[in-house]
C-alpha atoms as a PDB file:
ATOM      1  CA  UNK A   1      32.292  50.744  73.112  1.00  0.00           C
ATOM      2  CA  UNK A   2      31.458  46.638  73.910  1.00  0.00           C
ATOM      3  CA  UNK A   3      33.961  45.150  75.897  1.00  0.00           C
ATOM      4  CA  UNK A   4      35.075  41.492  74.633  1.00  0.00           C
ATOM      5  CA  UNK A   5      36.203  38.841  77.061  1.00  0.00           C
ATOM      6  CA  UNK A   6      37.607  35.723  76.142  1.00  0.00           C
ATOM      7  CA  UNK A   7      35.364  32.331  76.635  1.00  0.00           C
ATOM      8  CA  UNK A   8      36.837  30.822  80.026  1.00  0.00           C
ATOM      9  CA  UNK A   9      36.995  27.044  78.818  1.00  0.00           C
ATOM     10  CA  UNK A  10      37.368  25.336  82.513  1.00  0.00           C
ATOM     11  CA  UNK A  11      34.251  27.537  83.461  1.00  0.00           C
ATOM     12  CA  UNK A  12      32.397  26.028  80.423  1.00  0.00           C
ATOM     13  CA  UNK A  13      33.796  22.362  81.245  1.00  0.00           C
ATOM     14  CA  UNK A  14      32.269  22.708  84.978  1.00  0.00           C
ATOM     15  CA  UNK A  15      28.943  23.864  83.817  1.00  0.00           C
ATOM     16  CA  UNK A  16      28.670  21.429  80.592  1.00  0.00           C
ATOM     17  CA  UNK A  17      29.260  18.568  83.576  1.00  0.00           C
ATOM     18  CA  UNK A  18      26.520  19.843  85.581  1.00  0.00           C
ATOM     19  CA  UNK A  19      24.152  19.831  82.722  1.00  0.00           C
ATOM     20  CA  UNK A  20      24.683  15.939  82.282  1.00  0.00           C
ATOM     21  CA  UNK A  21      22.761  14.952  85.084  1.00  0.00           C
ATOM     22  CA  UNK A  22      18.598  15.159  84.932  1.00  0.00           C
ATOM     23  CA  UNK A  23      15.595  14.113  86.259  1.00  0.00           C
ATOM     24  CA  UNK A  24      16.229  10.767  84.694  1.00  0.00           C
ATOM     25  CA  UNK A  25      20.139  10.538  85.114  1.00  0.00           C
ATOM     26  CA  UNK A  26      20.746  11.807  88.728  1.00  0.00           C
ATOM     27  CA  UNK A  27      23.777   9.767  89.118  1.00  0.00           C
ATOM     28  CA  UNK A  28      26.702   9.067  86.513  1.00  0.00           C
ATOM     29  CA  UNK A  29      30.413   7.911  86.794  1.00  0.00           C
ATOM     30  CA  UNK A  30      33.343   9.672  86.016  1.00  0.00           C
ATOM     31  CA  UNK A  31      34.046   7.604  82.592  1.00  0.00           C
ATOM     32  CA  UNK A  32      30.783   8.267  81.427  1.00  0.00           C
ATOM     33  CA  UNK A  33      30.345  11.871  82.301  1.00  0.00           C
ATOM     34  CA  UNK A  34      34.170  12.462  80.560  1.00  0.00           C
ATOM     35  CA  UNK A  35      32.753  10.753  77.661  1.00  0.00           C
ATOM     36  CA  UNK A  36      29.851  12.835  77.084  1.00  0.00           C
ATOM     37  CA  UNK A  37      31.639  16.194  77.900  1.00  0.00           C
ATOM     38  CA  UNK A  38      34.986  15.224  75.786  1.00  0.00           C
ATOM     39  CA  UNK A  39      37.346  15.582  78.487  1.00  0.00           C
ATOM     40  CA  UNK A  40      40.328  13.083  79.655  1.00  0.00           C
ATOM     41  CA  UNK A  41      39.120  11.232  82.296  1.00  0.00           C
ATOM     42  CA  UNK A  42      41.709  12.634  84.577  1.00  0.00           C
ATOM     43  CA  UNK A  43      40.807  16.079  83.846  1.00  0.00           C
ATOM     44  CA  UNK A  44      37.363  15.659  84.255  1.00  0.00           C
ATOM     45  CA  UNK A  45      38.110  13.811  87.834  1.00  0.00           C
ATOM     46  CA  UNK A  46      40.042  17.583  88.768  1.00  0.00           C
ATOM     47  CA  UNK A  47      36.907  19.541  87.905  1.00  0.00           C
ATOM     48  CA  UNK A  48      34.455  16.992  89.560  1.00  0.00           C
ATOM     49  CA  UNK A  49      36.844  17.343  92.993  1.00  0.00           C
ATOM     50  CA  UNK A  50      36.657  20.943  92.482  1.00  0.00           C
ATOM     51  CA  UNK A  51      32.892  21.122  92.221  1.00  0.00           C
ATOM     52  CA  UNK A  52      32.695  18.533  94.916  1.00  0.00           C
ATOM     53  CA  UNK A  53      34.723  20.568  97.531  1.00  0.00           C
ATOM     54  CA  UNK A  54      32.125  23.427  96.542  1.00  0.00           C
ATOM     55  CA  UNK A  55      28.987  21.591  97.022  1.00  0.00           C
ATOM     56  CA  UNK A  56      27.565  21.449  93.676  1.00  0.00           C
ATOM     57  CA  UNK A  57      28.657  17.941  93.209  1.00  0.00           C
ATOM     58  CA  UNK A  58      28.261  15.101  95.791  1.00  0.00           C
ATOM     59  CA  UNK A  59      29.840  11.406  95.269  1.00  0.00           C
ATOM     60  CA  UNK A  60      28.026   8.325  96.852  1.00  0.00           C
ATOM     61  CA  UNK A  61      30.678   6.464  98.940  1.00  0.00           C
ATOM     62  CA  UNK A  62      29.112   3.061  98.342  1.00  0.00           C
ATOM     63  CA  UNK A  63      28.966   3.033  94.199  1.00  0.00           C
ATOM     64  CA  UNK A  64      31.444   5.776  93.236  1.00  0.00           C
ATOM     65  CA  UNK A  65      29.153   7.749  91.069  1.00  0.00           C
ATOM     66  CA  UNK A  66      28.547  11.738  91.177  1.00  0.00           C
ATOM     67  CA  UNK A  67      25.216  13.565  91.543  1.00  0.00           C
ATOM     68  CA  UNK A  68      24.155  17.071  91.853  1.00  0.00           C
ATOM     69  CA  UNK A  69      25.166  18.680  95.450  1.00  0.00           C
ATOM     70  CA  UNK A  70      23.146  20.886  97.565  1.00  0.00           C
ATOM     71  CA  UNK A  71      24.424  24.205  95.841  1.00  0.00           C
ATOM     72  CA  UNK A  72      22.753  23.327  92.778  1.00  0.00           C
ATOM     73  CA  UNK A  73      19.269  23.115  94.686  1.00  0.00           C
ATOM     74  CA  UNK A  74      20.113  26.448  96.344  1.00  0.00           C
ATOM     75  CA  UNK A  75      20.598  27.988  92.999  1.00  0.00           C
ATOM     76  CA  UNK A  76      17.709  26.749  91.602  1.00  0.00           C
ATOM     77  CA  UNK A  77      15.486  27.667  94.500  1.00  0.00           C
ATOM     78  CA  UNK A  78      17.021  31.269  94.283  1.00  0.00           C
ATOM     79  CA  UNK A  79      16.183  31.010  90.475  1.00  0.00           C
ATOM     80  CA  UNK A  80      12.242  30.121  91.340  1.00  0.00           C
ATOM     81  CA  UNK A  81      12.085  32.523  94.244  1.00  0.00           C
ATOM     82  CA  UNK A  82      13.154  35.360  91.771  1.00  0.00           C
ATOM     83  CA  UNK A  83      10.368  34.044  89.660  1.00  0.00           C
ATOM     84  CA  UNK A  84       7.936  34.637  92.146  1.00  0.00           C
ATOM     85  CA  UNK A  85       5.444  32.304  91.012  1.00  0.00           C
ATOM     86  CA  UNK A  86       2.805  34.477  93.426  1.00  0.00           C
ATOM     87  CA  UNK A  87       3.293  37.554  91.560  1.00  0.00           C
ATOM     88  CA  UNK A  88       2.946  36.024  88.403  1.00  0.00           C
ATOM     89  CA  UNK A  89      -0.235  34.138  89.093  1.00  0.00           C
ATOM     90  CA  UNK A  90      -1.927  36.849  90.875  1.00  0.00           C
ATOM     91  CA  UNK A  91      -3.683  38.383  88.307  1.00  0.00           C
ATOM     92  CA  UNK A  92      -4.785  35.232  86.860  1.00  0.00           C
ATOM     93  CA  UNK A  93      -6.556  34.457  90.389  1.00  0.00           C
ATOM     94  CA  UNK A  94      -8.197  37.874  90.564  1.00  0.00           C
ATOM     95  CA  UNK A  95      -9.725  37.368  86.991  1.00  0.00           C
ATOM     96  CA  UNK A  96     -10.633  33.939  87.377  1.00  0.00           C
ATOM     97  CA  UNK A  97     -12.602  34.958  90.777  1.00  0.00           C
ATOM     98  CA  UNK A  98     -13.984  38.025  88.533  1.00  0.00           C
ATOM     99  CA  UNK A  99     -15.509  35.195  85.742  1.00  0.00           C
ATOM    100  CA  UNK A 100     -16.579  32.540  87.982  1.00  0.00           C
ATOM    101  CA  UNK A 101     -17.387  34.663  91.235  1.00  0.00           C
ATOM    102  CA  UNK A 102     -15.856  31.658  92.995  1.00  0.00           C
ATOM    103  CA  UNK A 103     -12.759  30.976  95.365  1.00  0.00           C
ATOM    104  CA  UNK A 104      -9.168  30.044  93.530  1.00  0.00           C
ATOM    105  CA  UNK A 105      -6.497  28.949  95.384  1.00  0.00           C
ATOM    106  CA  UNK A 106      -2.696  28.361  94.169  1.00  0.00           C
ATOM    107  CA  UNK A 107      -1.017  25.174  95.501  1.00  0.00           C
ATOM    108  CA  UNK A 108       2.681  24.061  95.026  1.00  0.00           C
ATOM    109  CA  UNK A 109       3.931  20.856  94.838  1.00  0.00           C
ATOM    110  CA  UNK A 110       7.083  20.061  97.310  1.00  0.00           C
ATOM    111  CA  UNK A 111       7.915  16.305  96.684  1.00  0.00           C
ATOM    112  CA  UNK A 112       5.125  14.225  97.239  1.00  0.00           C
ATOM    113  CA  UNK A 113       3.445  17.315  99.253  1.00  0.00           C
ATOM    114  CA  UNK A 114       1.366  19.969  98.343  1.00  0.00           C
ATOM    115  CA  UNK A 115       0.886  23.158  99.997  1.00  0.00           C
ATOM    116  CA  UNK A 116      -1.590  26.080  99.650  1.00  0.00           C
ATOM    117  CA  UNK A 117       0.490  29.430  98.934  1.00  0.00           C
ATOM    118  CA  UNK A 118      -2.016  31.652  97.472  1.00  0.00           C
ATOM    119  CA  UNK A 119      -5.918  32.242  98.242  1.00  0.00           C
ATOM    120  CA  UNK A 120      -8.472  34.576  96.543  1.00  0.00           C
ATOM    121  CA  UNK A 121     -12.191  34.578  98.208  1.00  0.00           C
ATOM    122  CA  UNK A 122     -15.283  34.786  96.099  1.00  0.00           C
ATOM    123  CA  UNK A 123     -17.611  37.265  97.287  1.00  0.00           C
ATOM    124  CA  UNK A 124     -20.126  35.048  98.585  1.00  0.00           C
ATOM    125  CA  UNK A 125     -20.559  34.249 102.247  1.00  0.00           C
ATOM    126  CA  UNK A 126     -19.765  31.064 102.026  1.00  0.00           C
ATOM    127  CA  UNK A 127     -16.115  30.389 102.767  1.00  0.00           C
ATOM    128  CA  UNK A 128     -14.002  27.486 101.860  1.00  0.00           C
ATOM    129  CA  UNK A 129     -11.791  25.887 104.793  1.00  0.00           C
ATOM    130  CA  UNK A 130      -8.397  26.205 103.835  1.00  0.00           C
ATOM    131  CA  UNK A 131      -5.743  28.867 104.695  1.00  0.00           C
ATOM    132  CA  UNK A 132      -2.195  29.554 103.165  1.00  0.00           C
ATOM    133  CA  UNK A 133       0.559  27.509 104.607  1.00  0.00           C
ATOM    134  CA  UNK A 134      -1.865  24.689 104.852  1.00  0.00           C
ATOM    135  CA  UNK A 135      -1.190  21.249 103.409  1.00  0.00           C
ATOM    136  CA  UNK A 136      -3.288  19.818 100.206  1.00  0.00           C
ATOM    137  CA  UNK A 137      -4.381  16.437 100.860  1.00  0.00           C
ATOM    138  CA  UNK A 138      -3.020  14.844  97.086  1.00  0.00           C
ATOM    139  CA  UNK A 139      -5.739  12.063  96.722  1.00  0.00           C
ATOM    140  CA  UNK A 140      -8.957  13.536  97.592  1.00  0.00           C
ATOM    141  CA  UNK A 141      -8.475  17.423  96.380  1.00  0.00           C
ATOM    142  CA  UNK A 142      -8.482  19.000  92.881  1.00  0.00           C
ATOM    143  CA  UNK A 143      -5.295  20.543  93.232  1.00  0.00           C
ATOM    144  CA  UNK A 144      -3.914  17.472  95.091  1.00  0.00           C
ATOM    145  CA  UNK A 145      -5.193  15.033  92.228  1.00  0.00           C
ATOM    146  CA  UNK A 146      -3.602  17.084  89.262  1.00  0.00           C
ATOM    147  CA  UNK A 147      -0.362  17.213  90.719  1.00  0.00           C
ATOM    148  CA  UNK A 148      -0.383  13.428  91.793  1.00  0.00           C
ATOM    149  CA  UNK A 149      -1.228  12.982  88.241  1.00  0.00           C
ATOM    150  CA  UNK A 150       2.060  14.211  87.102  1.00  0.00           C
ATOM    151  CA  UNK A 151       4.233  13.404  90.249  1.00  0.00           C
ATOM    152  CA  UNK A 152       7.399  11.170  89.818  1.00  0.00           C
ATOM    153  CA  UNK A 153       6.888   7.388  90.384  1.00  0.00           C
ATOM    154  CA  UNK A 154       8.712   7.353  93.706  1.00  0.00           C
ATOM    155  CA  UNK A 155       6.933  10.216  94.765  1.00  0.00           C
ATOM    156  CA  UNK A 156       3.388   8.671  93.975  1.00  0.00           C
ATOM    157  CA  UNK A 157       4.319   5.455  95.203  1.00  0.00           C
ATOM    158  CA  UNK A 158       5.144   7.203  98.696  1.00  0.00           C
ATOM    159  CA  UNK A 159       1.549   8.857  99.003  1.00  0.00           C
ATOM    160  CA  UNK A 160      -0.123   5.494  98.056  1.00  0.00           C
ATOM    161  CA  UNK A 161       1.663   3.570 100.464  1.00  0.00           C
ATOM    162  CA  UNK A 162       0.657   5.708 103.655  1.00  0.00           C
ATOM    163  CA  UNK A 163      -3.249   4.683 102.279  1.00  0.00           C
ATOM    164  CA  UNK A 164      -5.983   6.512 100.946  1.00  0.00           C
ATOM    165  CA  UNK A 165      -7.980   7.645 104.059  1.00  0.00           C
ATOM    166  CA  UNK A 166     -11.796   8.328 103.611  1.00  0.00           C
ATOM    167  CA  UNK A 167     -12.904  11.779 104.449  1.00  0.00           C
ATOM    168  CA  UNK A 168     -16.265  11.569 102.814  1.00  0.00           C
ATOM    169  CA  UNK A 169     -18.189   8.734 101.468  1.00  0.00           C
ATOM    170  CA  UNK A 170     -17.243  10.009  97.738  1.00  0.00           C
ATOM    171  CA  UNK A 171     -13.439   9.758  98.720  1.00  0.00           C
ATOM    172  CA  UNK A 172     -11.459   7.544  96.276  1.00  0.00           C
ATOM    173  CA  UNK A 173      -9.844   4.993  98.621  1.00  0.00           C
ATOM    174  CA  UNK A 174      -8.922   2.143  96.331  1.00  0.00           C
ATOM    175  CA  UNK A 175      -5.255   2.258  94.672  1.00  0.00           C
ATOM    176  CA  UNK A 176      -6.902   0.926  91.090  1.00  0.00           C
ATOM    177  CA  UNK A 177      -9.816   3.528  91.111  1.00  0.00           C
ATOM    178  CA  UNK A 178      -7.223   6.424  91.847  1.00  0.00           C
ATOM    179  CA  UNK A 179      -5.004   5.270  89.125  1.00  0.00           C
ATOM    180  CA  UNK A 180      -8.021   5.634  86.682  1.00  0.00           C
ATOM    181  CA  UNK A 181      -8.653   9.355  87.873  1.00  0.00           C
ATOM    182  CA  UNK A 182      -5.252  10.431  87.278  1.00  0.00           C
ATOM    183  CA  UNK A 183      -4.889   8.936  83.570  1.00  0.00           C
ATOM    184  CA  UNK A 184      -8.079  10.807  83.047  1.00  0.00           C
ATOM    185  CA  UNK A 185      -6.632  13.902  84.308  1.00  0.00           C
ATOM    186  CA  UNK A 186      -3.673  13.299  82.033  1.00  0.00           C
ATOM    187  CA  UNK A 187      -6.003  13.054  79.135  1.00  0.00           C
ATOM    188  CA  UNK A 188      -8.098  16.107  79.519  1.00  0.00           C
ATOM    189  CA  UNK A 189      -5.695  18.399  81.465  1.00  0.00           C
ATOM    190  CA  UNK A 190      -7.828  19.038  84.435  1.00  0.00           C
ATOM    191  CA  UNK A 191      -8.815  17.455  87.731  1.00  0.00           C
ATOM    192  CA  UNK A 192     -12.592  17.285  89.759  1.00  0.00           C
ATOM    193  CA  UNK A 193     -12.767  16.954  93.106  1.00  0.00           C
ATOM    194  CA  UNK A 194     -16.653  15.863  93.979  1.00  0.00           C
ATOM    195  CA  UNK A 195     -17.425  16.139  97.501  1.00  0.00           C
ATOM    196  CA  UNK A 196     -14.278  14.105  98.406  1.00  0.00           C
ATOM    197  CA  UNK A 197     -12.628  16.243 100.808  1.00  0.00           C
ATOM    198  CA  UNK A 198     -16.081  17.911 102.190  1.00  0.00           C
ATOM    199  CA  UNK A 199     -19.478  17.415 101.638  1.00  0.00           C
ATOM    200  CA  UNK A 200     -21.001  19.611  99.349  1.00  0.00           C
ATOM    201  CA  UNK A 201     -17.849  21.350  97.831  1.00  0.00           C
ATOM    202  CA  UNK A 202     -16.821  20.811  94.354  1.00  0.00           C
ATOM    203  CA  UNK A 203     -13.265  22.303  92.947  1.00  0.00           C
ATOM    204  CA  UNK A 204     -12.151  21.929  89.441  1.00  0.00           C
ATOM    205  CA  UNK A 205      -8.504  22.331  88.964  1.00  0.00           C
ATOM    206  CA  UNK A 206      -5.268  22.291  86.717  1.00  0.00           C
ATOM    207  CA  UNK A 207      -1.873  22.029  86.803  1.00  0.00           C
ATOM    208  CA  UNK A 208       1.247  24.727  86.122  1.00  0.00           C
ATOM    209  CA  UNK A 209       4.055  23.328  84.442  1.00  0.00           C
ATOM    210  CA  UNK A 210       7.881  25.028  84.289  1.00  0.00           C
ATOM    211  CA  UNK A 211      10.258  24.911  81.573  1.00  0.00           C
ATOM    212  CA  UNK A 212      11.289  21.145  82.685  1.00  0.00           C
ATOM    213  CA  UNK A 213       7.914  20.366  81.929  1.00  0.00           C
ATOM    214  CA  UNK A 214       7.261  19.568  85.879  1.00  0.00           C
ATOM    215  CA  UNK A 215       3.993  20.017  87.565  1.00  0.00           C
ATOM    216  CA  UNK A 216       5.107  22.652  89.845  1.00  0.00           C
ATOM    217  CA  UNK A 217       1.665  24.218  90.895  1.00  0.00           C
ATOM    218  CA  UNK A 218      -1.852  23.903  90.595  1.00  0.00           C
ATOM    219  CA  UNK A 219      -4.828  26.351  90.568  1.00  0.00           C
ATOM    220  CA  UNK A 220      -8.410  25.348  91.716  1.00  0.00           C
ATOM    221  CA  UNK A 221     -11.903  26.714  91.349  1.00  0.00           C
ATOM    222  CA  UNK A 222     -13.800  25.850  94.917  1.00  0.00           C
ATOM    223  CA  UNK A 223     -17.546  26.387  95.549  1.00  0.00           C
ATOM    224  CA  UNK A 224     -20.841  24.704  96.886  1.00  0.00           C
ATOM    225  CA  UNK A 225     -22.199  22.156  94.219  1.00  0.00           C
ATOM    226  CA  UNK A 226     -25.491  24.013  94.241  1.00  0.00           C
ATOM    227  CA  UNK A 227     -23.114  26.784  92.413  1.00  0.00           C
ATOM    228  CA  UNK A 228     -20.444  24.659  90.474  1.00  0.00           C
ATOM    229  CA  UNK A 229     -22.880  22.043  89.417  1.00  0.00           C
ATOM    230  CA  UNK A 230     -21.759  19.459  86.896  1.00  0.00           C
ATOM    231  CA  UNK A 231     -23.207  21.098  84.180  1.00  0.00           C
ATOM    232  CA  UNK A 232     -20.808  23.870  85.167  1.00  0.00           C
ATOM    233  CA  UNK A 233     -17.825  21.910  85.389  1.00  0.00           C
ATOM    234  CA  UNK A 234     -16.719  22.376  81.673  1.00  0.00           C
ATOM    235  CA  UNK A 235     -16.814  25.631  81.454  1.00  0.00           C
ATOM    236  CA  UNK A 236     -15.218  26.072  84.407  1.00  0.00           C
ATOM    237  CA  UNK A 237     -12.205  23.694  83.523  1.00  0.00           C
ATOM    238  CA  UNK A 238     -12.040  25.825  80.504  1.00  0.00           C
ATOM    239  CA  UNK A 239     -11.593  28.750  82.393  1.00  0.00           C
ATOM    240  CA  UNK A 240      -8.933  27.433  84.507  1.00  0.00           C
ATOM    241  CA  UNK A 241      -6.687  25.719  81.790  1.00  0.00           C
ATOM    242  CA  UNK A 242      -6.569  28.950  79.687  1.00  0.00           C
ATOM    243  CA  UNK A 243      -5.388  30.448  83.148  1.00  0.00           C
ATOM    244  CA  UNK A 244      -3.176  27.783  83.718  1.00  0.00           C
ATOM    245  CA  UNK A 245      -1.708  27.205  80.337  1.00  0.00           C
ATOM    246  CA  UNK A 246      -0.504  31.140  79.878  1.00  0.00           C
ATOM    247  CA  UNK A 247       1.144  30.776  83.658  1.00  0.00           C
ATOM    248  CA  UNK A 248       3.038  27.878  82.379  1.00  0.00           C
ATOM    249  CA  UNK A 249       3.791  29.635  79.220  1.00  0.00           C
ATOM    250  CA  UNK A 250       5.565  32.424  80.881  1.00  0.00           C
ATOM    251  CA  UNK A 251       7.387  30.099  83.104  1.00  0.00           C
ATOM    252  CA  UNK A 252       9.105  28.420  79.736  1.00  0.00           C
ATOM    253  CA  UNK A 253       7.097  25.704  79.452  1.00  0.00           C
ATOM    254  CA  UNK A 254       6.745  24.297  75.782  1.00  0.00           C
ATOM    255  CA  UNK A 255       4.664  21.317  75.055  1.00  0.00           C
END
């Protein structure tokens, strides 16, 4: 027999408060929160105080406004860890390597950084100089550029403020040129590293989105320019976009 439980109103109200915060609205005042949730201001303040004591809400001492606390990040991180992105993507990486016979990378975004978390080597003798745990350079790698194209403005600005270092004669070092490249990536859904990080190496990459429409990771196909020709880029981009779109769908992304 199914056991029926009563809805606990105070828990529902507390969770409703947490749901008012978003990427676009990171801080809110108690009056605005109370209005949105439909609570008396004193009741809302009491719930905020409890959530603050538990670490789910924090208050800016200078403005008095509230924002999400570290505990919410820890819960979100636990959820993401539970999904195990590497477990979900691994079959796709293997399939891409089987189809293309080129090396495939999985990179995750961490603020204004990107880190390689998985790699499947091709059977060819030439190896790609990357390793799991290594940071991907954003402005001159395929995975880096597709993540950069979908970053928040403040993260993007931080990357550019550090300067666009030149690695080869093909590296984009001007902000205006990089912006144009990122615009093309958003329009076509994939990015290319055409010997920008390493001479003789070409990559095609596409982003992976989560349920909140955030580009949280990217996958790339990498190989020598002799095999990944410009004529083959179109076919490779379709292979990788099919994979990343399906992975994104499994993570709850809906365009």
